[in-house]
PDB file of all heavy atoms in Angstrom:
ATOM      1  N   ARG A   1       0.225 -18.443  17.680  1.00  0.00           N
ATOM      2  CA  ARG A   1       1.445 -18.189  16.916  1.00  0.00           C
ATOM      3  C   ARG A   1       2.627 -17.730  17.763  1.00  0.00           C
ATOM      4  O   ARG A   1       3.743 -17.630  17.240  1.00  0.00           O
ATOM      5  CB  ARG A   1       1.150 -17.129  15.831  1.00  0.00           C
ATOM      6  CG  ARG A   1       0.087 -17.547  14.834  1.00  0.00           C
ATOM      7  CD  ARG A   1       0.522 -18.759  14.002  1.00  0.00           C
ATOM      8  NE  ARG A   1       1.647 -18.452  13.148  1.00  0.00           N
ATOM      9  CZ  ARG A   1       1.535 -17.950  11.920  1.00  0.00           C
ATOM     10  NH1 ARG A   1       0.338 -17.695  11.409  1.00  0.00           N
ATOM     11  NH2 ARG A   1       2.613 -17.715  11.199  1.00  0.00           N
ATOM     12  N   LEU A   2       2.403 -17.427  19.033  1.00  0.00           N
ATOM     13  CA  LEU A   2       3.467 -16.892  19.878  1.00  0.00           C
ATOM     14  C   LEU A   2       3.663 -17.753  21.121  1.00  0.00           C
ATOM     15  O   LEU A   2       2.852 -18.637  21.410  1.00  0.00           O
ATOM     16  CB  LEU A   2       3.116 -15.455  20.305  1.00  0.00           C
ATOM     17  CG  LEU A   2       2.898 -14.434  19.192  1.00  0.00           C
ATOM     18  CD1 LEU A   2       2.370 -13.137  19.783  1.00  0.00           C
ATOM     19  CD2 LEU A   2       4.190 -14.183  18.426  1.00  0.00           C
ATOM     20  N   ALA A   3       4.746 -17.480  21.849  1.00  0.00           N
ATOM     21  CA  ALA A   3       4.934 -18.113  23.160  1.00  0.00           C
ATOM     22  C   ALA A   3       3.720 -17.783  24.014  1.00  0.00           C
ATOM     23  O   ALA A   3       3.185 -16.670  23.959  1.00  0.00           O
ATOM     24  CB  ALA A   3       6.215 -17.594  23.813  1.00  0.00           C
ATOM     25  N   ARG A   4       3.284 -18.731  24.830  1.00  0.00           N
ATOM     26  CA  ARG A   4       1.982 -18.607  25.471  1.00  0.00           C
ATOM     27  C   ARG A   4       2.034 -17.979  26.862  1.00  0.00           C
ATOM     28  O   ARG A   4       0.995 -17.880  27.531  1.00  0.00           O
ATOM     29  CB  ARG A   4       1.315 -19.978  25.537  1.00  0.00           C
ATOM     30  CG  ARG A   4       1.204 -20.627  24.164  1.00  0.00           C
ATOM     31  CD  ARG A   4       0.744 -22.063  24.275  1.00  0.00           C
ATOM     32  NE  ARG A   4      -0.692 -22.161  24.481  1.00  0.00           N
ATOM     33  CZ  ARG A   4      -1.585 -22.123  23.477  1.00  0.00           C
ATOM     34  NH1 ARG A   4      -1.180 -21.957  22.242  1.00  0.00           N
ATOM     35  NH2 ARG A   4      -2.865 -22.231  23.734  1.00  0.00           N
ATOM     36  N   ASP A   5       3.219 -17.568  27.340  1.00  0.00           N
ATOM     37  CA  ASP A   5       3.253 -16.929  28.650  1.00  0.00           C
ATOM     38  C   ASP A   5       2.795 -15.487  28.525  1.00  0.00           C
ATOM     39  O   ASP A   5       3.003 -14.822  27.497  1.00  0.00           O
ATOM     40  CB  ASP A   5       4.658 -16.984  29.243  1.00  0.00           C
ATOM     41  CG  ASP A   5       5.662 -16.195  28.423  1.00  0.00           C
ATOM     42  OD1 ASP A   5       6.186 -16.753  27.438  1.00  0.00           O
ATOM     43  OD2 ASP A   5       5.897 -15.019  28.746  1.00  0.00           O
ATOM     44  N   LEU A   6       2.155 -14.987  29.576  1.00  0.00           N
ATOM     45  CA  LEU A   6       1.543 -13.658  29.506  1.00  0.00           C
ATOM     46  C   LEU A   6       2.562 -12.543  29.360  1.00  0.00           C
ATOM     47  O   LEU A   6       2.290 -11.544  28.698  1.00  0.00           O
ATOM     48  CB  LEU A   6       0.684 -13.420  30.751  1.00  0.00           C
ATOM     49  CG  LEU A   6      -0.702 -14.054  30.739  1.00  0.00           C
ATOM     50  CD1 LEU A   6      -1.470 -13.676  32.001  1.00  0.00           C
ATOM     51  CD2 LEU A   6      -1.500 -13.634  29.507  1.00  0.00           C
ATOM     52  N   ARG A   7       3.737 -12.691  29.956  1.00  0.00           N
ATOM     53  CA  ARG A   7       4.720 -11.614  29.826  1.00  0.00           C
ATOM     54  C   ARG A   7       5.090 -11.400  28.358  1.00  0.00           C
ATOM     55  O   ARG A   7       5.147 -10.265  27.887  1.00  0.00           O
ATOM     56  CB  ARG A   7       5.970 -11.915  30.663  1.00  0.00           C
ATOM     57  CG  ARG A   7       7.019 -10.804  30.593  1.00  0.00           C
ATOM     58  CD  ARG A   7       8.049 -10.973  31.675  1.00  0.00           C
ATOM     59  NE  ARG A   7       7.489 -10.735  32.990  1.00  0.00           N
ATOM     60  CZ  ARG A   7       7.329  -9.522  33.525  1.00  0.00           C
ATOM     61  NH1 ARG A   7       7.690  -8.452  32.836  1.00  0.00           N
ATOM     62  NH2 ARG A   7       6.837  -9.377  34.721  1.00  0.00           N
ATOM     63  N   THR A   8       5.323 -12.489  27.635  1.00  0.00           N
ATOM     64  CA  THR A   8       5.631 -12.370  26.206  1.00  0.00           C
ATOM     65  C   THR A   8       4.452 -11.785  25.452  1.00  0.00           C
ATOM     66  O   THR A   8       4.618 -10.891  24.608  1.00  0.00           O
ATOM     67  CB  THR A   8       5.995 -13.743  25.623  1.00  0.00           C
ATOM     68  OG1 THR A   8       7.177 -14.227  26.256  1.00  0.00           O
ATOM     69  CG2 THR A   8       6.238 -13.647  24.121  1.00  0.00           C
ATOM     70  N   LEU A   9       3.259 -12.269  25.738  1.00  0.00           N
ATOM     71  CA  LEU A   9       2.062 -11.788  25.045  1.00  0.00           C
ATOM     72  C   LEU A   9       1.831 -10.305  25.313  1.00  0.00           C
ATOM     73  O   LEU A   9       1.469  -9.546  24.394  1.00  0.00           O
ATOM     74  CB  LEU A   9       0.848 -12.606  25.477  1.00  0.00           C
ATOM     75  CG  LEU A   9       0.829 -14.066  25.007  1.00  0.00           C
ATOM     76  CD1 LEU A   9      -0.266 -14.850  25.714  1.00  0.00           C
ATOM     77  CD2 LEU A   9       0.627 -14.140  23.490  1.00  0.00           C
ATOM     78  N   PHE A  10       2.050  -9.874  26.546  1.00  0.00           N
ATOM     79  CA  PHE A  10       1.868  -8.459  26.875  1.00  0.00           C
ATOM     80  C   PHE A  10       2.914  -7.594  26.176  1.00  0.00           C
ATOM     81  O   PHE A  10       2.623  -6.479  25.734  1.00  0.00           O
ATOM     82  CB  PHE A  10       1.937  -8.245  28.389  1.00  0.00           C
ATOM     83  CG  PHE A  10       0.710  -8.713  29.132  1.00  0.00           C
ATOM     84  CD1 PHE A  10       0.769  -8.923  30.504  1.00  0.00           C
ATOM     85  CD2 PHE A  10      -0.487  -8.944  28.476  1.00  0.00           C
ATOM     86  CE1 PHE A  10      -0.356  -9.352  31.193  1.00  0.00           C
ATOM     87  CE2 PHE A  10      -1.615  -9.377  29.161  1.00  0.00           C
ATOM     88  CZ  PHE A  10      -1.545  -9.581  30.524  1.00  0.00           C
ATOM     89  N   GLU A  11       4.148  -8.092  26.098  1.00  0.00           N
ATOM     90  CA  GLU A  11       5.190  -7.336  25.396  1.00  0.00           C
ATOM     91  C   GLU A  11       4.839  -7.179  23.921  1.00  0.00           C
ATOM     92  O   GLU A  11       5.045  -6.107  23.332  1.00  0.00           O
ATOM     93  CB  GLU A  11       6.537  -8.040  25.560  1.00  0.00           C
ATOM     94  CG  GLU A  11       7.113  -7.944  26.970  1.00  0.00           C
ATOM     95  CD  GLU A  11       8.354  -8.796  27.157  1.00  0.00           C
ATOM     96  OE1 GLU A  11       8.695  -9.562  26.218  1.00  0.00           O
ATOM     97  OE2 GLU A  11       8.986  -8.704  28.230  1.00  0.00           O
ATOM     98  N   VAL A  12       4.301  -8.242  23.324  1.00  0.00           N
ATOM     99  CA  VAL A  12       3.882  -8.159  21.922  1.00  0.00           C
ATOM    100  C   VAL A  12       2.720  -7.189  21.784  1.00  0.00           C
ATOM    101  O   VAL A  12       2.665  -6.406  20.818  1.00  0.00           O
ATOM    102  CB  VAL A  12       3.501  -9.557  21.396  1.00  0.00           C
ATOM    103  CG1 VAL A  12       2.811  -9.452  20.040  1.00  0.00           C
ATOM    104  CG2 VAL A  12       4.732 -10.437  21.285  1.00  0.00           C
ATOM    105  N   LEU A  13       1.795  -7.221  22.731  1.00  0.00           N
ATOM    106  CA  LEU A  13       0.657  -6.298  22.681  1.00  0.00           C
ATOM    107  C   LEU A  13       1.140  -4.852  22.756  1.00  0.00           C
ATOM    108  O   LEU A  13       0.621  -3.978  22.041  1.00  0.00           O
ATOM    109  CB  LEU A  13      -0.309  -6.596  23.826  1.00  0.00           C
ATOM    110  CG  LEU A  13      -1.600  -5.778  23.841  1.00  0.00           C
ATOM    111  CD1 LEU A  13      -2.435  -6.049  22.596  1.00  0.00           C
ATOM    112  CD2 LEU A  13      -2.418  -6.091  25.092  1.00  0.00           C
ATOM    113  N   ASP A  14       2.128  -4.577  23.586  1.00  0.00           N
ATOM    114  CA  ASP A  14       2.696  -3.227  23.668  1.00  0.00           C
ATOM    115  C   ASP A  14       3.292  -2.817  22.321  1.00  0.00           C
ATOM    116  O   ASP A  14       3.115  -1.669  21.867  1.00  0.00           O
ATOM    117  CB  ASP A  14       3.785  -3.166  24.745  1.00  0.00           C
ATOM    118  CG  ASP A  14       3.231  -3.302  26.148  1.00  0.00           C
ATOM    119  OD1 ASP A  14       2.010  -3.135  26.312  1.00  0.00           O
ATOM    120  OD2 ASP A  14       4.020  -3.573  27.076  1.00  0.00           O
ATOM    121  N   ARG A  15       3.970  -3.749  21.680  1.00  0.00           N
ATOM    122  CA  ARG A  15       4.564  -3.468  20.368  1.00  0.00           C
ATOM    123  C   ARG A  15       3.476  -3.180  19.333  1.00  0.00           C
ATOM    124  O   ARG A  15       3.596  -2.247  18.522  1.00  0.00           O
ATOM    125  CB  ARG A  15       5.412  -4.665  19.940  1.00  0.00           C
ATOM    126  CG  ARG A  15       6.083  -4.525  18.582  1.00  0.00           C
ATOM    127  CD  ARG A  15       6.919  -5.759  18.288  1.00  0.00           C
ATOM    128  NE  ARG A  15       7.389  -5.802  16.920  1.00  0.00           N
ATOM    129  CZ  ARG A  15       8.023  -6.826  16.383  1.00  0.00           C
ATOM    130  NH1 ARG A  15       8.285  -7.903  17.118  1.00  0.00           N
ATOM    131  NH2 ARG A  15       8.420  -6.798  15.123  1.00  0.00           N
ATOM    132  N   LEU A  16       2.404  -3.953  19.377  1.00  0.00           N
ATOM    133  CA  LEU A  16       1.300  -3.751  18.434  1.00  0.00           C
ATOM    134  C   LEU A  16       0.587  -2.431  18.703  1.00  0.00           C
ATOM    135  O   LEU A  16       0.148  -1.751  17.762  1.00  0.00           O
ATOM    136  CB  LEU A  16       0.312  -4.908  18.540  1.00  0.00           C
ATOM    137  CG  LEU A  16       0.809  -6.268  18.035  1.00  0.00           C
ATOM    138  CD1 LEU A  16      -0.197  -7.358  18.373  1.00  0.00           C
ATOM    139  CD2 LEU A  16       1.048  -6.225  16.519  1.00  0.00           C
ATOM    140  N   ASP A  17       0.495  -2.069  19.973  1.00  0.00           N
ATOM    141  CA  ASP A  17      -0.137  -0.806  20.344  1.00  0.00           C
ATOM    142  C   ASP A  17       0.614   0.365  19.709  1.00  0.00           C
ATOM    143  O   ASP A  17       0.014   1.255  19.088  1.00  0.00           O
ATOM    144  CB  ASP A  17      -0.148  -0.692  21.869  1.00  0.00           C
ATOM    145  CG  ASP A  17      -0.758   0.609  22.358  1.00  0.00           C
ATOM    146  OD1 ASP A  17      -1.513   1.243  21.595  1.00  0.00           O
ATOM    147  OD2 ASP A  17      -0.486   0.993  23.505  1.00  0.00           O
ATOM    148  N   LYS A  18       1.932   0.371  19.844  1.00  0.00           N
ATOM    149  CA  LYS A  18       2.735   1.456  19.277  1.00  0.00           C
ATOM    150  C   LYS A  18       2.651   1.469  17.754  1.00  0.00           C
ATOM    151  O   LYS A  18       2.535   2.526  17.137  1.00  0.00           O
ATOM    152  CB  LYS A  18       4.190   1.306  19.725  1.00  0.00           C
ATOM    153  CG  LYS A  18       4.391   1.487  21.222  1.00  0.00           C
ATOM    154  CD  LYS A  18       5.821   1.168  21.648  1.00  0.00           C
ATOM    155  CE  LYS A  18       5.988   1.298  23.153  1.00  0.00           C
ATOM    156  NZ  LYS A  18       7.349   0.916  23.611  1.00  0.00           N
ATOM    157  N   ALA A  19       2.694   0.272  17.152  1.00  0.00           N
ATOM    158  CA  ALA A  19       2.632   0.193  15.696  1.00  0.00           C
ATOM    159  C   ALA A  19       1.282   0.671  15.174  1.00  0.00           C
ATOM    160  O   ALA A  19       1.207   1.341  14.134  1.00  0.00           O
ATOM    161  CB  ALA A  19       2.893  -1.239  15.236  1.00  0.00           C
ATOM    162  N   SER A  20       0.218   0.340  15.874  1.00  0.00           N
ATOM    163  CA  SER A  20      -1.113   0.742  15.420  1.00  0.00           C
ATOM    164  C   SER A  20      -1.296   2.254  15.518  1.00  0.00           C
ATOM    165  O   SER A  20      -1.973   2.860  14.678  1.00  0.00           O
ATOM    166  CB  SER A  20      -2.202   0.029  16.234  1.00  0.00           C
ATOM    167  OG  SER A  20      -2.222   0.471  17.579  1.00  0.00           O
ATOM    168  N   MET A  21      -0.680   2.867  16.536  1.00  0.00           N
ATOM    169  CA  MET A  21      -0.779   4.329  16.663  1.00  0.00           C
ATOM    170  C   MET A  21      -0.022   5.010  15.529  1.00  0.00           C
ATOM    171  O   MET A  21      -0.493   6.003  14.964  1.00  0.00           O
ATOM    172  CB  MET A  21      -0.238   4.770  18.022  1.00  0.00           C
ATOM    173  CG  MET A  21      -1.156   4.459  19.186  1.00  0.00           C
ATOM    174  SD  MET A  21      -0.663   5.288  20.720  1.00  0.00           S
ATOM    175  CE  MET A  21       0.898   4.470  21.061  1.00  0.00           C
ATOM    176  N   VAL A  22       1.149   4.478  15.184  1.00  0.00           N
ATOM    177  CA  VAL A  22       1.939   5.059  14.103  1.00  0.00           C
ATOM    178  C   VAL A  22       1.222   4.893  12.759  1.00  0.00           C
ATOM    179  O   VAL A  22       1.142   5.834  11.958  1.00  0.00           O
ATOM    180  CB  VAL A  22       3.336   4.412  14.029  1.00  0.00           C
ATOM    181  CG1 VAL A  22       4.074   4.864  12.777  1.00  0.00           C
ATOM    182  CG2 VAL A  22       4.145   4.755  15.288  1.00  0.00           C
ATOM    183  N   ALA A  23       0.692   3.701  12.532  1.00  0.00           N
ATOM    184  CA  ALA A  23       0.061   3.406  11.243  1.00  0.00           C
ATOM    185  C   ALA A  23      -1.402   3.825  11.184  1.00  0.00           C
ATOM    186  O   ALA A  23      -2.008   3.814  10.107  1.00  0.00           O
ATOM    187  CB  ALA A  23       0.164   1.910  10.952  1.00  0.00           C
ATOM    188  N   GLN A  24      -1.957   4.195  12.347  1.00  0.00           N
ATOM    189  CA  GLN A  24      -3.375   4.546  12.429  1.00  0.00           C
ATOM    190  C   GLN A  24      -4.247   3.417  11.871  1.00  0.00           C
ATOM    191  O   GLN A  24      -5.152   3.632  11.064  1.00  0.00           O
ATOM    192  CB  GLN A  24      -3.651   5.858  11.681  1.00  0.00           C
ATOM    193  CG  GLN A  24      -3.030   7.086  12.327  1.00  0.00           C
ATOM    194  CD  GLN A  24      -3.646   7.390  13.689  1.00  0.00           C
ATOM    195  OE1 GLN A  24      -4.846   7.647  13.806  1.00  0.00           O
ATOM    196  NE2 GLN A  24      -2.819   7.345  14.730  1.00  0.00           N
ATOM    197  N   ARG A  25      -3.956   2.200  12.316  1.00  0.00           N
ATOM    198  CA  ARG A  25      -4.710   1.028  11.865  1.00  0.00           C
ATOM    199  C   ARG A  25      -5.201   0.227  13.064  1.00  0.00           C
ATOM    200  O   ARG A  25      -4.607   0.242  14.129  1.00  0.00           O
ATOM    201  CB  ARG A  25      -3.825   0.141  10.978  1.00  0.00           C
ATOM    202  CG  ARG A  25      -3.471   0.770   9.648  1.00  0.00           C
ATOM    203  CD  ARG A  25      -2.496  -0.087   8.862  1.00  0.00           C
ATOM    204  NE  ARG A  25      -3.027  -1.430   8.571  1.00  0.00           N
ATOM    205  CZ  ARG A  25      -2.333  -2.367   7.934  1.00  0.00           C
ATOM    206  NH1 ARG A  25      -1.079  -2.110   7.538  1.00  0.00           N
ATOM    207  NH2 ARG A  25      -2.863  -3.558   7.701  1.00  0.00           N
ATOM    208  N   ARG A  26      -6.303  -0.483  12.846  1.00  0.00           N
ATOM    209  CA  ARG A  26      -6.870  -1.343  13.863  1.00  0.00           C
ATOM    210  C   ARG A  26      -6.045  -2.624  13.975  1.00  0.00           C
ATOM    211  O   ARG A  26      -5.284  -2.972  13.072  1.00  0.00           O
ATOM    212  CB  ARG A  26      -8.317  -1.707  13.523  1.00  0.00           C
ATOM    213  CG  ARG A  26      -9.270  -0.536  13.550  1.00  0.00           C
ATOM    214  CD  ARG A  26     -10.635  -0.905  12.996  1.00  0.00           C
ATOM    215  NE  ARG A  26     -11.188  -2.088  13.655  1.00  0.00           N
ATOM    216  CZ  ARG A  26     -11.345  -3.259  13.060  1.00  0.00           C
ATOM    217  NH1 ARG A  26     -10.975  -3.433  11.791  1.00  0.00           N
ATOM    218  NH2 ARG A  26     -11.868  -4.297  13.721  1.00  0.00           N
TER     219      ARG A  26
END
């Protein structure tokens, strides 16, 4: 569903990491 380069994927992963900590969700 996303651009396939690792830099973009890692940036999205960082965003998901922060969101999961705030929401306390897997």
